[in-house]
Amino acid sequence: MAFTIFLLFASAYIRAALGGALKVIDYDRQYLANSHHLVP
């Protein structure tokens, strides 16, 4: 029982961590794309 709850929390935490990492990567990609427009 406790192990199942632990797995649920672990999977949710991993999903949140991966989602956050993907958002940061996407933000960096947009920032780089925008900065290229600023470079003459």
Foldseek 3Di string as FASTA:
>chain_A
DVVVVVVVVVVVVVVVVVVVVVVVVVVVVVVVVVVVVVPD
